[in-house]
């Protein structure tokens, strides 16, 4: 496994529980929510930029992406 892939996995494994905690859900439901409303694709495509930002803003960006794609407020 490449170092870049390991970094991506580590970041995603960190940010999904952070998203879940911020929006009061468990990690499995957070994953499903992100998957359903496009946050997962955004996270996978942009993790390299998102991991350099404050986790608060990354969680907020994911929320905004999901909201724009029909996620609940």
N, C-alpha and C. Protein backbone atom coordinates (compact mmCIF):
# COMPACT_ATOMS: atom_id res chain seq x y z
N UNK A 1 0.84 -1.17 0.00
CA UNK A 1 0.00 0.00 0.00
C UNK A 1 0.90 1.24 0.00
N UNK A 2 0.54 2.22 -0.81
CA UNK A 2 1.37 3.43 -0.90
C UNK A 2 1.16 4.33 0.32
N UNK A 3 2.13 5.18 0.53
CA UNK A 3 2.04 6.11 1.66
C UNK A 3 0.87 7.08 1.48
N UNK A 4 0.61 7.50 0.24
CA UNK A 4 -0.50 8.42 -0.02
C UNK A 4 -1.84 7.76 0.33
N UNK A 5 -2.01 6.51 -0.04
CA UNK A 5 -3.23 5.79 0.28
C UNK A 5 -3.39 5.64 1.80
N UNK A 6 -2.31 5.34 2.48
CA UNK A 6 -2.37 5.23 3.95
C UNK A 6 -2.75 6.57 4.58
N UNK A 7 -2.21 7.66 4.05
CA UNK A 7 -2.57 8.99 4.56
C UNK A 7 -4.04 9.29 4.32
N UNK A 8 -4.54 8.94 3.15
CA UNK A 8 -5.96 9.15 2.84
C UNK A 8 -6.85 8.36 3.80
N UNK A 9 -6.53 7.11 4.00
CA UNK A 9 -7.31 6.26 4.90
C UNK A 9 -7.28 6.81 6.32
N UNK A 10 -6.11 7.23 6.76
CA UNK A 10 -5.98 7.79 8.11
C UNK A 10 -6.83 9.04 8.28
N UNK A 11 -6.79 9.91 7.28
CA UNK A 11 -7.57 11.14 7.36
C UNK A 11 -9.07 10.83 7.38
N UNK A 12 -9.51 9.97 6.50
CA UNK A 12 -10.93 9.62 6.44
C UNK A 12 -11.37 8.95 7.75
N UNK A 13 -10.52 8.08 8.29
CA UNK A 13 -10.83 7.41 9.56
C UNK A 13 -10.91 8.41 10.71
N UNK A 14 -10.25 9.53 10.57
CA UNK A 14 -10.32 10.59 11.59
C UNK A 14 -11.54 11.50 11.38
N UNK A 15 -11.84 11.86 10.14
CA UNK A 15 -12.83 12.90 9.89
C UNK A 15 -14.27 12.38 9.99
N UNK A 16 -14.52 11.13 9.67
CA UNK A 16 -15.89 10.62 9.77
C UNK A 16 -16.38 10.62 11.22
N UNK A 17 -15.61 10.13 12.19
CA UNK A 17 -16.06 10.26 13.58
C UNK A 17 -16.18 11.71 14.04
N UNK A 18 -15.33 12.59 13.53
CA UNK A 18 -15.44 14.02 13.87
C UNK A 18 -16.75 14.59 13.34
N UNK A 19 -17.13 14.21 12.12
CA UNK A 19 -18.40 14.63 11.54
C UNK A 19 -19.56 14.07 12.36
N UNK A 20 -19.46 12.80 12.71
CA UNK A 20 -20.51 12.15 13.50
C UNK A 20 -20.70 12.85 14.85
N UNK A 21 -19.62 13.16 15.50
CA UNK A 21 -19.70 13.83 16.80
C UNK A 21 -20.31 15.22 16.66
N UNK A 22 -19.90 15.95 15.64
CA UNK A 22 -20.39 17.32 15.45
C UNK A 22 -21.90 17.36 15.20
N UNK A 23 -22.42 16.35 14.53
CA UNK A 23 -23.84 16.34 14.19
C UNK A 23 -24.63 15.27 14.94
N UNK A 24 -24.06 14.82 16.05
CA UNK A 24 -24.75 13.95 17.00
C UNK A 24 -25.33 12.68 16.35
N UNK A 25 -24.45 11.94 15.71
CA UNK A 25 -24.83 10.64 15.14
C UNK A 25 -23.68 9.69 15.33
N UNK A 26 -23.92 8.41 15.14
CA UNK A 26 -22.81 7.47 15.25
C UNK A 26 -22.04 7.44 13.93
N UNK A 27 -20.86 6.86 13.95
CA UNK A 27 -19.99 6.89 12.78
C UNK A 27 -20.61 6.17 11.58
N UNK A 28 -21.33 5.10 11.82
CA UNK A 28 -21.95 4.37 10.72
C UNK A 28 -23.02 5.22 10.04
N UNK A 29 -23.84 5.91 10.82
CA UNK A 29 -24.86 6.78 10.23
C UNK A 29 -24.23 7.98 9.54
N UNK A 30 -23.13 8.48 10.07
CA UNK A 30 -22.43 9.59 9.43
C UNK A 30 -21.91 9.14 8.06
N UNK A 31 -21.33 7.96 8.00
CA UNK A 31 -20.85 7.43 6.73
C UNK A 31 -22.00 7.32 5.73
N UNK A 32 -23.11 6.76 6.16
CA UNK A 32 -24.27 6.61 5.27
C UNK A 32 -24.79 7.96 4.79
N UNK A 33 -24.84 8.93 5.69
CA UNK A 33 -25.29 10.27 5.34
C UNK A 33 -24.35 10.90 4.31
N UNK A 34 -23.05 10.81 4.56
CA UNK A 34 -22.07 11.35 3.62
C UNK A 34 -22.17 10.65 2.26
N UNK A 35 -22.35 9.36 2.27
CA UNK A 35 -22.48 8.58 1.04
C UNK A 35 -23.73 9.00 0.26
N UNK A 36 -24.85 9.13 0.95
CA UNK A 36 -26.12 9.44 0.31
C UNK A 36 -26.15 10.84 -0.31
N UNK A 37 -25.52 11.80 0.35
CA UNK A 37 -25.64 13.20 -0.08
C UNK A 37 -24.37 13.79 -0.69
N UNK A 38 -23.46 12.95 -1.13
CA UNK A 38 -22.32 13.42 -1.89
C UNK A 38 -21.09 13.84 -1.09
N UNK A 39 -21.18 13.83 0.21
CA UNK A 39 -20.04 14.21 1.02
C UNK A 39 -18.88 13.24 0.90
N UNK A 40 -19.22 11.97 0.76
CA UNK A 40 -18.18 10.94 0.63
C UNK A 40 -17.35 11.17 -0.63
N UNK A 41 -18.01 11.41 -1.75
CA UNK A 41 -17.29 11.64 -3.00
C UNK A 41 -16.41 12.89 -2.90
N UNK A 42 -16.94 13.94 -2.30
CA UNK A 42 -16.18 15.17 -2.10
C UNK A 42 -14.96 14.90 -1.22
N UNK A 43 -15.16 14.15 -0.17
CA UNK A 43 -14.07 13.81 0.74
C UNK A 43 -12.98 13.01 0.04
N UNK A 44 -13.38 12.01 -0.72
CA UNK A 44 -12.41 11.17 -1.44
C UNK A 44 -11.65 11.95 -2.50
N UNK A 45 -12.33 12.85 -3.19
CA UNK A 45 -11.69 13.61 -4.26
C UNK A 45 -10.79 14.73 -3.74
N UNK A 46 -11.10 15.25 -2.56
CA UNK A 46 -10.40 16.43 -2.06
C UNK A 46 -9.70 16.24 -0.73
N UNK A 47 -9.50 15.02 -0.30
CA UNK A 47 -8.90 14.78 1.01
C UNK A 47 -7.54 15.44 1.13
N UNK A 48 -6.77 15.47 0.05
CA UNK A 48 -5.41 16.01 0.07
C UNK A 48 -5.41 17.50 0.43
N UNK A 49 -6.45 18.23 0.05
CA UNK A 49 -6.55 19.65 0.43
C UNK A 49 -7.22 19.79 1.79
N UNK A 50 -8.23 18.98 2.04
CA UNK A 50 -8.99 19.08 3.29
C UNK A 50 -8.13 18.74 4.51
N UNK A 51 -7.20 17.82 4.35
CA UNK A 51 -6.42 17.41 5.52
C UNK A 51 -5.47 18.50 6.01
N UNK A 52 -5.25 19.53 5.21
CA UNK A 52 -4.38 20.62 5.64
C UNK A 52 -5.15 21.70 6.38
N UNK A 53 -6.47 21.63 6.35
CA UNK A 53 -7.32 22.63 6.99
C UNK A 53 -7.68 22.19 8.41
N UNK A 54 -8.23 23.10 9.15
CA UNK A 54 -8.73 22.81 10.49
C UNK A 54 -9.87 21.79 10.37
N UNK A 55 -9.90 20.76 11.19
CA UNK A 55 -10.98 19.76 11.11
C UNK A 55 -12.37 20.37 11.23
N UNK A 56 -12.51 21.45 11.99
CA UNK A 56 -13.81 22.12 12.11
C UNK A 56 -14.32 22.53 10.72
N UNK A 57 -13.45 23.11 9.93
CA UNK A 57 -13.86 23.57 8.60
C UNK A 57 -14.10 22.42 7.64
N UNK A 58 -13.34 21.37 7.76
CA UNK A 58 -13.57 20.20 6.92
C UNK A 58 -14.95 19.62 7.19
N UNK A 59 -15.30 19.48 8.46
CA UNK A 59 -16.62 18.98 8.83
C UNK A 59 -17.70 19.92 8.30
N UNK A 60 -17.47 21.20 8.41
CA UNK A 60 -18.44 22.19 7.92
C UNK A 60 -18.59 22.11 6.40
N UNK A 61 -17.49 21.96 5.67
CA UNK A 61 -17.56 21.82 4.20
C UNK A 61 -18.36 20.58 3.83
N UNK A 62 -18.12 19.48 4.53
CA UNK A 62 -18.87 18.26 4.25
C UNK A 62 -20.36 18.47 4.48
N UNK A 63 -20.69 19.16 5.57
CA UNK A 63 -22.09 19.45 5.85
C UNK A 63 -22.70 20.28 4.72
N UNK A 64 -21.98 21.31 4.29
CA UNK A 64 -22.49 22.18 3.23
C UNK A 64 -22.71 21.41 1.93
N UNK A 65 -21.79 20.54 1.58
CA UNK A 65 -21.94 19.73 0.37
C UNK A 65 -23.18 18.85 0.47
N UNK A 66 -23.35 18.20 1.61
CA UNK A 66 -24.51 17.33 1.80
C UNK A 66 -25.81 18.13 1.77
N UNK A 67 -25.81 19.29 2.38
CA UNK A 67 -27.01 20.13 2.40
C UNK A 67 -27.39 20.56 0.99
N UNK A 68 -26.41 20.91 0.18
CA UNK A 68 -26.67 21.31 -1.21
C UNK A 68 -27.22 20.17 -2.04
N UNK A 69 -26.95 18.94 -1.60
CA UNK A 69 -27.42 17.76 -2.33
C UNK A 69 -28.65 17.12 -1.68
N UNK A 70 -29.35 17.87 -0.85
CA UNK A 70 -30.60 17.38 -0.27
C UNK A 70 -30.53 16.90 1.16
N UNK A 71 -29.38 16.99 1.79
CA UNK A 71 -29.25 16.58 3.18
C UNK A 71 -30.05 17.52 4.09
N UNK A 72 -30.44 17.03 5.22
CA UNK A 72 -31.27 17.82 6.14
C UNK A 72 -30.44 18.82 6.91
N UNK A 73 -31.06 19.88 7.26
CA UNK A 73 -30.43 20.91 8.08
C UNK A 73 -30.58 20.58 9.53
